[in-house]
Amino acid sequence: MHSAVAGLLLCCLLAGASPVWAGHGHHGSGHGHHGYLKIAEAPAPAWSELSREKRALLAPYAQTWDSLPDGQRHRLLRAAERWRHMDPEEQARFRERLERFRDMDPEERARARERWERFRALPPEERERLRQRWEAMSPEERQAARERHRRWREHLQTLPEDEREALRERLRQMDPEERRRLMETGPGGG
């Protein structure tokens, strides 16, 4: 069990932690960028200073822990702490997101990080509305949403740069409901 968690934490480290937490329910908990900056200023604990439980979760890092940059150690510690407080259903969702992220190619990971940063930049009310909408979807609806997103991404890649930027700007200026309707009609439908 601990090796599975440690493997997931490794994915978190490689992912930069951001996208895997999306939709996890830590919104409004003070875990924004400013909190991370404060944490990153303090040195991360040495391996010998970690609790027995954290050493068990982070066992794959035992040999290299003290040589990892502070930021990476802090991300791993946050991931271990969040994991500890998740119920089994949350752990399953977390595993699913991590596995999906792990299976992405580097370009897809970069896009996922960009989407996460755009999500974090939204007003808290908008983030919560989107989170609730996603949580209310069935697995089939979520898959359909992913497929629509993939089609849009492929469509954008076919456009000349100036048209692509114009469409992105148009989407940014739309109210959320108008943007949702356009996205659901598919490329070329708006």
Protein backbone atom coordinates (compact mmCIF):
# COMPACT_ATOMS: atom_id res chain seq x y z
CA MET A 1 0.00 0.00 0.00
CA HIS A 2 2.70 2.47 0.98
CA SER A 3 4.64 1.78 -2.21
CA ALA A 4 1.53 2.60 -4.25
CA VAL A 5 1.10 5.87 -2.37
CA ALA A 6 4.78 6.63 -2.77
CA GLY A 7 4.52 6.03 -6.50
CA LEU A 8 1.60 8.42 -6.65
CA LEU A 9 3.57 10.96 -4.68
CA LEU A 10 6.38 10.60 -7.20
CA CYS A 11 3.89 11.46 -9.94
CA CYS A 12 2.90 14.47 -7.87
CA LEU A 13 6.53 15.55 -7.68
CA LEU A 14 7.05 15.13 -11.40
CA ALA A 15 3.80 16.94 -12.09
CA GLY A 16 4.72 19.92 -9.98
CA ALA A 17 1.77 19.00 -7.73
CA SER A 18 -0.68 21.43 -9.28
CA PRO A 19 -3.03 19.55 -11.57
CA VAL A 20 -3.54 16.56 -9.40
CA TRP A 21 -5.13 18.63 -6.69
CA ALA A 22 -7.65 20.18 -9.04
CA GLY A 23 -11.15 19.53 -7.81
CA HIS A 24 -9.93 17.92 -4.62
CA GLY A 25 -11.80 20.26 -2.35
CA HIS A 26 -8.95 22.27 -0.88
CA HIS A 27 -10.37 25.47 -2.24
CA GLY A 28 -10.45 28.42 0.06
CA SER A 29 -8.09 26.73 2.50
CA GLY A 30 -5.22 29.16 2.20
CA HIS A 31 -3.17 26.90 -0.06
CA GLY A 32 -2.69 29.54 -2.73
CA HIS A 33 0.61 30.65 -4.15
CA HIS A 34 1.34 32.96 -1.23
CA GLY A 35 1.13 30.08 1.24
CA TYR A 36 3.49 28.04 -0.89
CA LEU A 37 5.98 30.88 -1.03
CA LYS A 38 6.01 31.15 2.76
CA ILE A 39 6.52 27.41 3.13
CA ALA A 40 9.25 27.36 0.51
CA GLU A 41 11.21 30.02 2.43
CA ALA A 42 11.64 27.66 5.40
CA PRO A 43 14.06 24.76 4.96
CA ALA A 44 12.37 21.41 4.50
CA PRO A 45 13.01 18.85 7.23
CA ALA A 46 15.80 16.33 6.86
CA TRP A 47 14.85 12.66 6.41
CA SER A 48 15.82 11.94 10.03
CA GLU A 49 13.37 14.62 11.21
CA LEU A 50 10.34 13.10 9.48
CA SER A 51 7.79 11.13 11.48
CA ARG A 52 7.73 7.35 11.09
CA GLU A 53 4.44 7.62 9.17
CA LYS A 54 5.83 10.17 6.69
CA ARG A 55 9.02 8.14 6.19
CA ALA A 56 6.83 5.11 5.41
CA LEU A 57 4.81 7.08 2.84
CA LEU A 58 7.92 8.63 1.30
CA ALA A 59 10.13 5.52 1.51
CA PRO A 60 11.19 5.62 -2.18
CA TYR A 61 12.91 8.93 -1.39
CA ALA A 62 14.84 7.68 1.64
CA GLN A 63 18.19 7.66 -0.18
CA THR A 64 17.76 10.96 -1.99
CA TRP A 65 15.48 12.96 0.34
CA ASP A 66 18.16 15.17 1.85
CA SER A 67 19.51 16.07 -1.60
CA LEU A 68 16.12 17.06 -3.08
CA PRO A 69 15.44 20.80 -3.41
CA ASP A 70 13.34 22.24 -0.58
CA GLY A 71 10.44 22.99 -2.94
CA GLN A 72 10.18 19.35 -4.04
CA ARG A 73 10.37 18.10 -0.47
CA HIS A 74 7.64 20.53 0.58
CA ARG A 75 5.40 19.38 -2.30
CA LEU A 76 5.91 15.76 -1.30
CA LEU A 77 5.15 16.55 2.34
CA ARG A 78 1.96 18.40 1.38
CA ALA A 79 0.91 15.46 -0.79
CA ALA A 80 1.58 13.01 2.04
CA GLU A 81 -0.40 15.17 4.47
CA ARG A 82 -3.36 15.48 2.11
CA TRP A 83 -3.29 11.74 1.43
CA ARG A 84 -3.41 11.05 5.17
CA HIS A 85 -6.63 13.05 5.57
CA MET A 86 -8.50 11.66 2.55
CA ASP A 87 -11.28 9.15 2.92
CA PRO A 88 -11.06 6.05 0.69
CA GLU A 89 -13.30 7.60 -2.00
CA GLU A 90 -11.11 10.71 -2.17
CA GLN A 91 -7.99 8.55 -2.32
CA ALA A 92 -9.50 6.64 -5.26
CA ARG A 93 -10.27 9.89 -7.13
CA PHE A 94 -6.79 11.18 -6.34
CA ARG A 95 -5.22 7.95 -7.64
CA GLU A 96 -7.29 8.20 -10.83
CA ARG A 97 -6.16 11.79 -11.47
CA LEU A 98 -2.54 10.94 -10.75
CA GLU A 99 -2.61 7.91 -13.03
CA ARG A 100 -4.21 9.96 -15.81
CA PHE A 101 -1.57 12.67 -15.34
CA ARG A 102 1.24 10.09 -15.24
CA ASP A 103 0.07 8.63 -18.55
CA MET A 104 0.19 11.99 -20.33
CA ASP A 105 3.04 12.92 -22.62
CA PRO A 106 5.12 15.98 -21.57
CA GLU A 107 3.14 18.31 -23.86
CA GLU A 108 -0.16 17.14 -22.37
CA ARG A 109 1.23 17.64 -18.86
CA ALA A 110 2.27 21.18 -19.73
CA ARG A 111 -1.25 21.92 -21.00
CA ALA A 112 -2.74 20.39 -17.85
CA ARG A 113 -0.53 22.65 -15.71
CA GLU A 114 -1.63 25.67 -17.77
CA ARG A 115 -5.30 24.74 -17.30
CA TRP A 116 -4.73 24.34 -13.57
CA GLU A 117 -3.11 27.77 -13.36
CA ARG A 118 -6.01 29.32 -15.31
CA PHE A 119 -8.45 27.56 -12.96
CA ARG A 120 -6.60 28.89 -9.91
CA ALA A 121 -6.74 32.41 -11.38
CA LEU A 122 -10.57 32.34 -11.53
CA PRO A 123 -12.57 34.04 -8.78
CA PRO A 124 -13.32 31.59 -5.92
CA GLU A 125 -17.06 31.57 -6.72
CA GLU A 126 -16.39 30.57 -10.33
CA ARG A 127 -13.95 27.81 -9.24
CA GLU A 128 -16.53 26.45 -6.82
CA ARG A 129 -19.29 26.56 -9.46
CA LEU A 130 -17.10 24.64 -11.92
CA ARG A 131 -16.04 22.16 -9.23
CA GLN A 132 -19.66 21.47 -8.27
CA ARG A 133 -20.66 21.05 -11.91
CA TRP A 134 -17.82 18.56 -12.50
CA GLU A 135 -18.63 16.60 -9.35
CA ALA A 136 -22.30 16.37 -10.39
CA MET A 137 -21.37 14.79 -13.74
CA SER A 138 -21.57 11.07 -14.34
CA PRO A 139 -18.40 9.29 -15.54
CA GLU A 140 -19.91 9.25 -19.04
CA GLU A 141 -20.55 13.00 -18.97
CA ARG A 142 -16.99 13.62 -17.77
CA GLN A 143 -15.62 11.50 -20.59
CA ALA A 144 -17.76 13.40 -23.09
CA ALA A 145 -16.42 16.70 -21.67
CA ARG A 146 -12.84 15.44 -22.05
CA GLU A 147 -13.60 14.42 -25.62
CA ARG A 148 -15.06 17.87 -26.43
CA HIS A 149 -11.96 19.45 -24.94
CA ARG A 150 -9.73 17.21 -27.07
CA ARG A 151 -11.66 18.15 -30.24
CA TRP A 152 -11.37 21.86 -29.40
CA ARG A 153 -7.64 21.51 -28.77
CA GLU A 154 -7.18 19.74 -32.12
CA HIS A 155 -9.29 22.40 -33.86
CA LEU A 156 -7.20 25.20 -32.36
CA GLN A 157 -4.04 23.57 -33.66
CA THR A 158 -5.38 23.75 -37.21
CA LEU A 159 -5.97 27.52 -37.05
CA PRO A 160 -3.42 30.16 -38.02
CA GLU A 161 -1.92 31.84 -34.94
CA ASP A 162 -3.87 35.10 -35.38
CA GLU A 163 -7.22 33.26 -35.63
CA ARG A 164 -6.32 31.05 -32.68
CA GLU A 165 -5.54 34.12 -30.54
CA ALA A 166 -8.74 35.85 -31.71
CA LEU A 167 -10.81 32.81 -30.69
CA ARG A 168 -9.07 32.58 -27.32
CA GLU A 169 -9.71 36.27 -26.70
CA ARG A 170 -13.36 35.85 -27.68
CA LEU A 171 -13.69 32.97 -25.21
CA ARG A 172 -12.03 35.00 -22.44
CA GLN A 173 -14.50 37.85 -22.92
CA MET A 174 -17.62 35.66 -22.86
CA ASP A 175 -19.62 35.19 -19.72
CA PRO A 176 -19.31 31.63 -18.35
CA GLU A 177 -22.72 30.47 -19.58
CA GLU A 178 -22.16 31.76 -23.11
CA ARG A 179 -18.70 30.13 -23.16
CA ARG A 180 -20.18 26.82 -21.94
CA ARG A 181 -22.79 26.83 -24.72
CA LEU A 182 -20.17 27.56 -27.38
CA MET A 183 -17.83 24.86 -26.06
CA GLU A 184 -20.65 22.30 -26.06
CA THR A 185 -21.62 23.04 -29.67
CA GLY A 186 -18.12 22.06 -30.73
CA PRO A 187 -15.55 23.66 -33.04
CA GLY A 188 -17.09 25.63 -35.88
CA GLY A 189 -20.52 25.60 -34.18
CA GLY A 190 -20.28 29.14 -32.81
